[in-house]
């Protein structure tokens, strides 16, 4: 791994992120870069955004490319992760005006809020021991790369992380049949259009499987999982281009969110 080239890429990536400009695809200058090296760049970029970019503390972490079709398109066989910042997170059930400075993709997801730190890998039997709440969420994903990305480009640039909204009310996931929650996204207006309506369990053979994978991968990549962190387990239903307009996401008994994109 070329340290000088990586430092140069990181400097330029930070500058572009803060200026709302697309990031150079790392695969153009390092076509043989490994997934491990891409995650190393991601961790360094996340650290720079936190300390030099003014993006605040880590809000949590996300799974991306959870659908097999998305993985096949990227030539990989498992999802990827990224860090979420307080800078881009909002908790509300009201209408939000989002002035986009880049193309955005809308995703409906579930978020799980940690009640305590996690330092060791979990399994299906123990995964909810450290989770206090579950909520419906909309992710505003933005790859923001100069050219069509590969999985390596997505990983190194923090996996299209940009912003997210969290719905109320919140609930203890042990009291829910999580996978049966019907999650829908509708574009509102003179003619309403339901963009998708699917069960939450369509993500990675079930939400708890997705959560176990996300927690263990976050730990394996050297990140810290603390009380209060929110973990988003991946897109429920398809991703949709964030065209201007008003949208409503419904998460069964977890409530709903209304979002306006200007």
C-alpha atoms as a PDB file:
ATOM      1  CA  UNK A   1       0.000   0.000   0.000  1.00  0.00           C
ATOM      2  CA  UNK A   2       1.437   3.358  -1.110  1.00  0.00           C
ATOM      3  CA  UNK A   3       1.286   5.579   1.975  1.00  0.00           C
ATOM      4  CA  UNK A   4       2.122   8.784   0.112  1.00  0.00           C
ATOM      5  CA  UNK A   5      -0.577   8.153  -2.501  1.00  0.00           C
ATOM      6  CA  UNK A   6      -3.067   7.272   0.216  1.00  0.00           C
ATOM      7  CA  UNK A   7      -2.318  10.460   2.149  1.00  0.00           C
ATOM      8  CA  UNK A   8      -2.775  12.467  -1.038  1.00  0.00           C
ATOM      9  CA  UNK A   9      -6.097  10.743  -1.767  1.00  0.00           C
ATOM     10  CA  UNK A  10      -7.291  11.266   1.816  1.00  0.00           C
ATOM     11  CA  UNK A  11      -6.394  14.974   1.741  1.00  0.00           C
ATOM     12  CA  UNK A  12      -8.276  15.430  -1.521  1.00  0.00           C
ATOM     13  CA  UNK A  13     -11.224  13.303  -0.349  1.00  0.00           C
ATOM     14  CA  UNK A  14     -11.645  15.333   2.828  1.00  0.00           C
ATOM     15  CA  UNK A  15     -11.445  18.591   0.900  1.00  0.00           C
ATOM     16  CA  UNK A  16     -14.032  17.418  -1.619  1.00  0.00           C
ATOM     17  CA  UNK A  17     -16.431  16.069   0.994  1.00  0.00           C
ATOM     18  CA  UNK A  18     -16.393  19.370   2.862  1.00  0.00           C
ATOM     19  CA  UNK A  19     -16.826  21.304  -0.389  1.00  0.00           C
ATOM     20  CA  UNK A  20     -19.695  19.022  -1.522  1.00  0.00           C
ATOM     21  CA  UNK A  21     -17.664  17.889  -4.528  1.00  0.00           C
ATOM     22  CA  UNK A  22     -17.388  14.284  -5.812  1.00  0.00           C
ATOM     23  CA  UNK A  23     -14.480  12.192  -4.536  1.00  0.00           C
ATOM     24  CA  UNK A  24     -11.961  10.605  -6.886  1.00  0.00           C
ATOM     25  CA  UNK A  25     -12.439   6.853  -7.271  1.00  0.00           C
ATOM     26  CA  UNK A  26      -9.504   5.204  -5.506  1.00  0.00           C
ATOM     27  CA  UNK A  27      -9.676   2.293  -7.953  1.00  0.00           C
ATOM     28  CA  UNK A  28      -8.495   4.575 -10.765  1.00  0.00           C
ATOM     29  CA  UNK A  29      -5.065   5.093  -9.220  1.00  0.00           C
ATOM     30  CA  UNK A  30      -4.908   1.826  -7.254  1.00  0.00           C
ATOM     31  CA  UNK A  31      -6.703  -0.801  -9.379  1.00  0.00           C
ATOM     32  CA  UNK A  32      -5.291  -3.651  -7.265  1.00  0.00           C
ATOM     33  CA  UNK A  33      -6.276  -2.236  -3.868  1.00  0.00           C
ATOM     34  CA  UNK A  34      -7.689  -4.869  -1.508  1.00  0.00           C
ATOM     35  CA  UNK A  35     -10.863  -4.721   0.555  1.00  0.00           C
ATOM     36  CA  UNK A  36      -8.720  -4.627   3.699  1.00  0.00           C
ATOM     37  CA  UNK A  37      -6.807  -1.600   2.405  1.00  0.00           C
ATOM     38  CA  UNK A  38     -10.057   0.096   1.374  1.00  0.00           C
ATOM     39  CA  UNK A  39     -11.415  -0.263   4.905  1.00  0.00           C
ATOM     40  CA  UNK A  40      -8.173   1.184   6.247  1.00  0.00           C
ATOM     41  CA  UNK A  41      -8.746   4.249   4.047  1.00  0.00           C
ATOM     42  CA  UNK A  42     -12.334   4.423   5.254  1.00  0.00           C
ATOM     43  CA  UNK A  43     -11.277   4.466   8.903  1.00  0.00           C
ATOM     44  CA  UNK A  44      -8.760   7.225   8.180  1.00  0.00           C
ATOM     45  CA  UNK A  45     -11.320   9.288   6.259  1.00  0.00           C
ATOM     46  CA  UNK A  46     -13.858   8.857   9.066  1.00  0.00           C
ATOM     47  CA  UNK A  47     -11.254   9.990  11.609  1.00  0.00           C
ATOM     48  CA  UNK A  48     -10.427  13.072   9.511  1.00  0.00           C
ATOM     49  CA  UNK A  49     -14.092  13.986   9.096  1.00  0.00           C
ATOM     50  CA  UNK A  50     -14.504  13.730  12.848  1.00  0.00           C
ATOM     51  CA  UNK A  51     -11.413  15.689  13.872  1.00  0.00           C
ATOM     52  CA  UNK A  52     -10.909  18.104  10.972  1.00  0.00           C
ATOM     53  CA  UNK A  53     -14.231  18.189   9.176  1.00  0.00           C
ATOM     54  CA  UNK A  54     -16.415  19.279  12.073  1.00  0.00           C
ATOM     55  CA  UNK A  55     -18.858  16.443  11.498  1.00  0.00           C
ATOM     56  CA  UNK A  56     -19.168  15.657  15.199  1.00  0.00           C
ATOM     57  CA  UNK A  57     -19.245  12.287  16.902  1.00  0.00           C
ATOM     58  CA  UNK A  58     -20.108   8.959  15.351  1.00  0.00           C
ATOM     59  CA  UNK A  59     -23.896   8.473  15.299  1.00  0.00           C
ATOM     60  CA  UNK A  60     -23.653   4.803  14.426  1.00  0.00           C
ATOM     61  CA  UNK A  61     -22.940   2.438  11.562  1.00  0.00           C
ATOM     62  CA  UNK A  62     -24.732   1.128   8.488  1.00  0.00           C
ATOM     63  CA  UNK A  63     -24.817  -1.954   6.334  1.00  0.00           C
ATOM     64  CA  UNK A  64     -24.839  -1.344   2.582  1.00  0.00           C
ATOM     65  CA  UNK A  65     -25.171  -3.570  -0.483  1.00  0.00           C
ATOM     66  CA  UNK A  66     -27.221  -6.043   1.551  1.00  0.00           C
ATOM     67  CA  UNK A  67     -29.176  -7.248  -1.493  1.00  0.00           C
ATOM     68  CA  UNK A  68     -27.611 -10.068  -3.515  1.00  0.00           C
ATOM     69  CA  UNK A  69     -28.330  -8.263  -6.782  1.00  0.00           C
ATOM     70  CA  UNK A  70     -26.387  -5.226  -5.562  1.00  0.00           C
ATOM     71  CA  UNK A  71     -23.484  -7.426  -4.480  1.00  0.00           C
ATOM     72  CA  UNK A  72     -23.404  -9.222  -7.820  1.00  0.00           C
ATOM     73  CA  UNK A  73     -23.349  -5.879  -9.635  1.00  0.00           C
ATOM     74  CA  UNK A  74     -20.310  -4.910  -7.553  1.00  0.00           C
ATOM     75  CA  UNK A  75     -18.559  -8.270  -7.866  1.00  0.00           C
ATOM     76  CA  UNK A  76     -18.593  -9.056  -4.144  1.00  0.00           C
ATOM     77  CA  UNK A  77     -20.253 -11.746  -2.036  1.00  0.00           C
ATOM     78  CA  UNK A  78     -21.159  -9.891   1.152  1.00  0.00           C
ATOM     79  CA  UNK A  79     -22.415  -6.452   2.234  1.00  0.00           C
ATOM     80  CA  UNK A  80     -20.175  -3.569   3.258  1.00  0.00           C
ATOM     81  CA  UNK A  81     -20.270  -1.123   6.175  1.00  0.00           C
ATOM     82  CA  UNK A  82     -19.879   2.594   6.743  1.00  0.00           C
ATOM     83  CA  UNK A  83     -19.894   5.054   9.637  1.00  0.00           C
ATOM     84  CA  UNK A  84     -22.734   7.506  10.296  1.00  0.00           C
ATOM     85  CA  UNK A  85     -22.121  10.959  11.763  1.00  0.00           C
ATOM     86  CA  UNK A  86     -24.156  13.172  14.080  1.00  0.00           C
ATOM     87  CA  UNK A  87     -23.648  15.789  11.366  1.00  0.00           C
ATOM     88  CA  UNK A  88     -26.133  14.034   9.083  1.00  0.00           C
ATOM     89  CA  UNK A  89     -28.553  12.522  11.612  1.00  0.00           C
ATOM     90  CA  UNK A  90     -31.952  13.882  12.575  1.00  0.00           C
ATOM     91  CA  UNK A  91     -34.528  12.353  14.910  1.00  0.00           C
ATOM     92  CA  UNK A  92     -38.031  13.500  14.134  1.00  0.00           C
ATOM     93  CA  UNK A  93     -41.495  12.505  12.940  1.00  0.00           C
ATOM     94  CA  UNK A  94     -42.104  15.851  11.269  1.00  0.00           C
ATOM     95  CA  UNK A  95     -41.577  17.082   7.744  1.00  0.00           C
ATOM     96  CA  UNK A  96     -37.938  17.913   7.026  1.00  0.00           C
ATOM     97  CA  UNK A  97     -36.651  20.188   4.311  1.00  0.00           C
ATOM     98  CA  UNK A  98     -33.476  18.796   2.779  1.00  0.00           C
ATOM     99  CA  UNK A  99     -31.531  21.062   0.453  1.00  0.00           C
ATOM    100  CA  UNK A 100     -29.444  18.574  -1.466  1.00  0.00           C
ATOM    101  CA  UNK A 101     -25.990  19.495  -2.695  1.00  0.00           C
ATOM    102  CA  UNK A 102     -25.504  16.111  -4.385  1.00  0.00           C
ATOM    103  CA  UNK A 103     -27.602  13.269  -5.898  1.00  0.00           C
ATOM    104  CA  UNK A 104     -29.321  11.287  -3.153  1.00  0.00           C
ATOM    105  CA  UNK A 105     -30.803   7.810  -2.940  1.00  0.00           C
ATOM    106  CA  UNK A 106     -33.661   7.139  -0.503  1.00  0.00           C
ATOM    107  CA  UNK A 107     -33.728   3.918   1.490  1.00  0.00           C
ATOM    108  CA  UNK A 108     -36.116   2.700   4.186  1.00  0.00           C
ATOM    109  CA  UNK A 109     -34.355   0.850   6.986  1.00  0.00           C
ATOM    110  CA  UNK A 110     -34.594  -0.186  10.620  1.00  0.00           C
ATOM    111  CA  UNK A 111     -32.241   1.267  13.207  1.00  0.00           C
ATOM    112  CA  UNK A 112     -31.218  -0.408  16.454  1.00  0.00           C
ATOM    113  CA  UNK A 113     -29.954   1.794  19.303  1.00  0.00           C
ATOM    114  CA  UNK A 114     -27.380   0.256  21.632  1.00  0.00           C
ATOM    115  CA  UNK A 115     -28.103   0.386  25.358  1.00  0.00           C
ATOM    116  CA  UNK A 116     -24.509  -0.482  26.226  1.00  0.00           C
ATOM    117  CA  UNK A 117     -21.141  -0.888  24.585  1.00  0.00           C
ATOM    118  CA  UNK A 118     -20.310  -4.024  22.625  1.00  0.00           C
ATOM    119  CA  UNK A 119     -16.706  -5.230  22.598  1.00  0.00           C
ATOM    120  CA  UNK A 120     -17.050  -8.902  21.652  1.00  0.00           C
ATOM    121  CA  UNK A 121     -18.749 -10.656  18.733  1.00  0.00           C
ATOM    122  CA  UNK A 122     -22.429 -11.517  19.135  1.00  0.00           C
ATOM    123  CA  UNK A 123     -24.730 -14.242  17.823  1.00  0.00           C
ATOM    124  CA  UNK A 124     -28.478 -14.638  17.363  1.00  0.00           C
ATOM    125  CA  UNK A 125     -28.912 -15.569  21.027  1.00  0.00           C
ATOM    126  CA  UNK A 126     -27.059 -12.551  22.431  1.00  0.00           C
ATOM    127  CA  UNK A 127     -27.469  -9.803  19.831  1.00  0.00           C
ATOM    128  CA  UNK A 128     -30.415  -8.075  21.526  1.00  0.00           C
ATOM    129  CA  UNK A 129     -28.795  -8.075  24.975  1.00  0.00           C
ATOM    130  CA  UNK A 130     -27.158  -4.742  24.139  1.00  0.00           C
ATOM    131  CA  UNK A 131     -30.018  -3.198  22.142  1.00  0.00           C
ATOM    132  CA  UNK A 132     -32.480  -0.862  23.844  1.00  0.00           C
ATOM    133  CA  UNK A 133     -34.641   0.485  21.035  1.00  0.00           C
ATOM    134  CA  UNK A 134     -35.658  -0.100  17.449  1.00  0.00           C
ATOM    135  CA  UNK A 135     -36.945   2.579  15.089  1.00  0.00           C
ATOM    136  CA  UNK A 136     -37.887   3.140  11.487  1.00  0.00           C
ATOM    137  CA  UNK A 137     -35.397   5.182   9.475  1.00  0.00           C
ATOM    138  CA  UNK A 138     -34.851   6.794   6.098  1.00  0.00           C
ATOM    139  CA  UNK A 139     -31.302   6.833   4.854  1.00  0.00           C
ATOM    140  CA  UNK A 140     -30.156   9.562   2.494  1.00  0.00           C
ATOM    141  CA  UNK A 141     -27.369   7.728   0.688  1.00  0.00           C
ATOM    142  CA  UNK A 142     -24.971   9.588  -1.601  1.00  0.00           C
ATOM    143  CA  UNK A 143     -22.016   7.786  -3.221  1.00  0.00           C
ATOM    144  CA  UNK A 144     -20.711  11.183  -4.436  1.00  0.00           C
ATOM    145  CA  UNK A 145     -17.882   9.725  -6.506  1.00  0.00           C
ATOM    146  CA  UNK A 146     -16.511  11.112  -9.748  1.00  0.00           C
ATOM    147  CA  UNK A 147     -17.220   7.939 -11.720  1.00  0.00           C
ATOM    148  CA  UNK A 148     -19.357   4.841 -11.381  1.00  0.00           C
ATOM    149  CA  UNK A 149     -18.114   3.165  -8.179  1.00  0.00           C
ATOM    150  CA  UNK A 150     -16.797  -0.295  -7.517  1.00  0.00           C
ATOM    151  CA  UNK A 151     -17.231  -1.899  -4.099  1.00  0.00           C
ATOM    152  CA  UNK A 152     -13.691  -0.740  -3.269  1.00  0.00           C
ATOM    153  CA  UNK A 153     -14.588   2.852  -4.157  1.00  0.00           C
ATOM    154  CA  UNK A 154     -17.685   2.698  -1.984  1.00  0.00           C
ATOM    155  CA  UNK A 155     -15.843   1.226   1.007  1.00  0.00           C
ATOM    156  CA  UNK A 156     -12.951   3.687   0.931  1.00  0.00           C
ATOM    157  CA  UNK A 157     -15.284   6.696   0.633  1.00  0.00           C
ATOM    158  CA  UNK A 158     -17.418   5.504   3.598  1.00  0.00           C
ATOM    159  CA  UNK A 159     -20.068   3.517   1.767  1.00  0.00           C
ATOM    160  CA  UNK A 160     -22.275   6.372   0.512  1.00  0.00           C
ATOM    161  CA  UNK A 161     -22.973   7.591   4.062  1.00  0.00           C
ATOM    162  CA  UNK A 162     -24.550  11.050   4.031  1.00  0.00           C
ATOM    163  CA  UNK A 163     -27.602  11.466   6.280  1.00  0.00           C
ATOM    164  CA  UNK A 164     -30.505   9.725   7.972  1.00  0.00           C
ATOM    165  CA  UNK A 165     -33.810  10.412   9.696  1.00  0.00           C
ATOM    166  CA  UNK A 166     -35.194   8.416  12.616  1.00  0.00           C
ATOM    167  CA  UNK A 167     -38.910   7.972  13.301  1.00  0.00           C
ATOM    168  CA  UNK A 168     -40.871   7.915  16.520  1.00  0.00           C
ATOM    169  CA  UNK A 169     -42.169   6.028  18.412  1.00  0.00           C
ATOM    170  CA  UNK A 170     -39.353   3.715  19.363  1.00  0.00           C
ATOM    171  CA  UNK A 171     -39.787   0.245  20.810  1.00  0.00           C
ATOM    172  CA  UNK A 172     -37.824  -2.513  22.503  1.00  0.00           C
ATOM    173  CA  UNK A 173     -37.094  -4.996  19.700  1.00  0.00           C
ATOM    174  CA  UNK A 174     -37.709  -7.951  22.018  1.00  0.00           C
ATOM    175  CA  UNK A 175     -41.377  -6.888  22.067  1.00  0.00           C
ATOM    176  CA  UNK A 176     -41.717  -6.850  18.271  1.00  0.00           C
ATOM    177  CA  UNK A 177     -42.070  -9.422  15.523  1.00  0.00           C
ATOM    178  CA  UNK A 178     -39.492  -7.399  13.631  1.00  0.00           C
ATOM    179  CA  UNK A 179     -39.374  -9.324  10.376  1.00  0.00           C
ATOM    180  CA  UNK A 180     -43.142  -9.061   9.779  1.00  0.00           C
ATOM    181  CA  UNK A 181     -43.228  -5.245   9.970  1.00  0.00           C
ATOM    182  CA  UNK A 182     -44.509  -3.961   6.619  1.00  0.00           C
ATOM    183  CA  UNK A 183     -42.274  -1.138   5.434  1.00  0.00           C
ATOM    184  CA  UNK A 184     -43.408   1.152   2.642  1.00  0.00           C
ATOM    185  CA  UNK A 185     -42.228   4.290   0.894  1.00  0.00           C
ATOM    186  CA  UNK A 186     -44.721   6.500  -0.949  1.00  0.00           C
ATOM    187  CA  UNK A 187     -44.117   9.571  -3.040  1.00  0.00           C
ATOM    188  CA  UNK A 188     -46.872  12.046  -2.234  1.00  0.00           C
ATOM    189  CA  UNK A 189     -48.492  14.622  -4.485  1.00  0.00           C
ATOM    190  CA  UNK A 190     -51.450  14.965  -6.816  1.00  0.00           C
ATOM    191  CA  UNK A 191     -50.877  11.339  -7.798  1.00  0.00           C
ATOM    192  CA  UNK A 192     -49.479   9.209  -4.979  1.00  0.00           C
ATOM    193  CA  UNK A 193     -47.033   6.503  -5.976  1.00  0.00           C
ATOM    194  CA  UNK A 194     -46.094   3.605  -3.703  1.00  0.00           C
ATOM    195  CA  UNK A 195     -42.444   2.973  -4.444  1.00  0.00           C
ATOM    196  CA  UNK A 196     -42.278  -0.204  -2.403  1.00  0.00           C
ATOM    197  CA  UNK A 197     -44.047  -2.104   0.369  1.00  0.00           C
ATOM    198  CA  UNK A 198     -42.184  -5.124   1.721  1.00  0.00           C
ATOM    199  CA  UNK A 199     -41.620  -6.934   5.046  1.00  0.00           C
ATOM    200  CA  UNK A 200     -38.623  -5.871   7.123  1.00  0.00           C
ATOM    201  CA  UNK A 201     -37.355  -9.457   7.153  1.00  0.00           C
ATOM    202  CA  UNK A 202     -36.343  -9.348   3.489  1.00  0.00           C
ATOM    203  CA  UNK A 203     -32.932  -7.963   4.530  1.00  0.00           C
ATOM    204  CA  UNK A 204     -30.220 -10.634   4.803  1.00  0.00           C
ATOM    205  CA  UNK A 205     -32.538 -13.514   5.763  1.00  0.00           C
ATOM    206  CA  UNK A 206     -33.971 -11.479   8.640  1.00  0.00           C
ATOM    207  CA  UNK A 207     -33.243  -8.379  10.680  1.00  0.00           C
ATOM    208  CA  UNK A 208     -31.440 -10.164  13.515  1.00  0.00           C
ATOM    209  CA  UNK A 209     -29.138 -11.946  11.063  1.00  0.00           C
ATOM    210  CA  UNK A 210     -28.363  -8.572   9.502  1.00  0.00           C
ATOM    211  CA  UNK A 211     -27.754  -7.009  12.919  1.00  0.00           C
ATOM    212  CA  UNK A 212     -25.395  -9.811  13.991  1.00  0.00           C
ATOM    213  CA  UNK A 213     -23.434  -9.457  10.763  1.00  0.00           C
ATOM    214  CA  UNK A 214     -23.238  -5.660  11.104  1.00  0.00           C
ATOM    215  CA  UNK A 215     -22.075  -5.683  14.733  1.00  0.00           C
ATOM    216  CA  UNK A 216     -19.428  -8.328  14.144  1.00  0.00           C
ATOM    217  CA  UNK A 217     -18.153  -6.645  10.990  1.00  0.00           C
ATOM    218  CA  UNK A 218     -17.973  -3.220  12.653  1.00  0.00           C
ATOM    219  CA  UNK A 219     -15.879  -4.737  15.442  1.00  0.00           C
ATOM    220  CA  UNK A 220     -13.693  -6.671  12.986  1.00  0.00           C
ATOM    221  CA  UNK A 221     -12.935  -3.436  11.127  1.00  0.00           C
ATOM    222  CA  UNK A 222     -11.621  -1.794  14.276  1.00  0.00           C
ATOM    223  CA  UNK A 223     -14.506   0.536  15.082  1.00  0.00           C
ATOM    224  CA  UNK A 224     -15.943   1.113  18.560  1.00  0.00           C
ATOM    225  CA  UNK A 225     -19.553   0.299  19.436  1.00  0.00           C
ATOM    226  CA  UNK A 226     -20.780   2.476  22.319  1.00  0.00           C
ATOM    227  CA  UNK A 227     -24.057   3.008  24.134  1.00  0.00           C
ATOM    228  CA  UNK A 228     -26.282   5.268  22.060  1.00  0.00           C
ATOM    229  CA  UNK A 229     -24.895   4.225  18.685  1.00  0.00           C
ATOM    230  CA  UNK A 230     -27.552   3.493  16.060  1.00  0.00           C
ATOM    231  CA  UNK A 231     -27.072   0.525  13.733  1.00  0.00           C
ATOM    232  CA  UNK A 232     -28.894   0.540  10.383  1.00  0.00           C
ATOM    233  CA  UNK A 233     -29.201  -2.961   8.967  1.00  0.00           C
ATOM    234  CA  UNK A 234     -29.705  -2.225   5.270  1.00  0.00           C
ATOM    235  CA  UNK A 235     -32.270  -1.158   2.724  1.00  0.00           C
ATOM    236  CA  UNK A 236     -35.755  -2.657   3.049  1.00  0.00           C
ATOM    237  CA  UNK A 237     -37.056  -2.570  -0.496  1.00  0.00           C
ATOM    238  CA  UNK A 238     -35.310  -0.890  -3.394  1.00  0.00           C
ATOM    239  CA  UNK A 239     -33.253   2.290  -3.335  1.00  0.00           C
ATOM    240  CA  UNK A 240     -34.956   5.211  -5.092  1.00  0.00           C
ATOM    241  CA  UNK A 241     -33.507   8.384  -6.631  1.00  0.00           C
ATOM    242  CA  UNK A 242     -34.298  11.336  -4.381  1.00  0.00           C
ATOM    243  CA  UNK A 243     -36.268  13.434  -6.852  1.00  0.00           C
ATOM    244  CA  UNK A 244     -37.704  16.689  -5.443  1.00  0.00           C
ATOM    245  CA  UNK A 245     -41.000  16.145  -3.661  1.00  0.00           C
ATOM    246  CA  UNK A 246     -42.581  14.818  -0.490  1.00  0.00           C
ATOM    247  CA  UNK A 247     -42.271  11.232   0.714  1.00  0.00           C
ATOM    248  CA  UNK A 248     -43.860   9.178   3.482  1.00  0.00           C
ATOM    249  CA  UNK A 249     -42.239   6.066   4.942  1.00  0.00           C
ATOM    250  CA  UNK A 250     -44.368   3.773   7.112  1.00  0.00           C
ATOM    251  CA  UNK A 251     -42.811   1.160   9.412  1.00  0.00           C
ATOM    252  CA  UNK A 252     -45.808  -0.744  10.746  1.00  0.00           C
ATOM    253  CA  UNK A 253     -46.163  -0.257  14.510  1.00  0.00           C
ATOM    254  CA  UNK A 254     -42.925   1.752  14.582  1.00  0.00           C
ATOM    255  CA  UNK A 255     -44.684   4.758  13.076  1.00  0.00           C
ATOM    256  CA  UNK A 256     -43.825   6.839  10.049  1.00  0.00           C
ATOM    257  CA  UNK A 257     -41.668   9.613   8.643  1.00  0.00           C
ATOM    258  CA  UNK A 258     -42.444  12.399   6.174  1.00  0.00           C
ATOM    259  CA  UNK A 259     -39.592  13.864   4.194  1.00  0.00           C
ATOM    260  CA  UNK A 260     -39.498  16.703   1.695  1.00  0.00           C
ATOM    261  CA  UNK A 261     -36.634  16.992  -0.757  1.00  0.00           C
ATOM    262  CA  UNK A 262     -36.195  20.412  -2.356  1.00  0.00           C
END
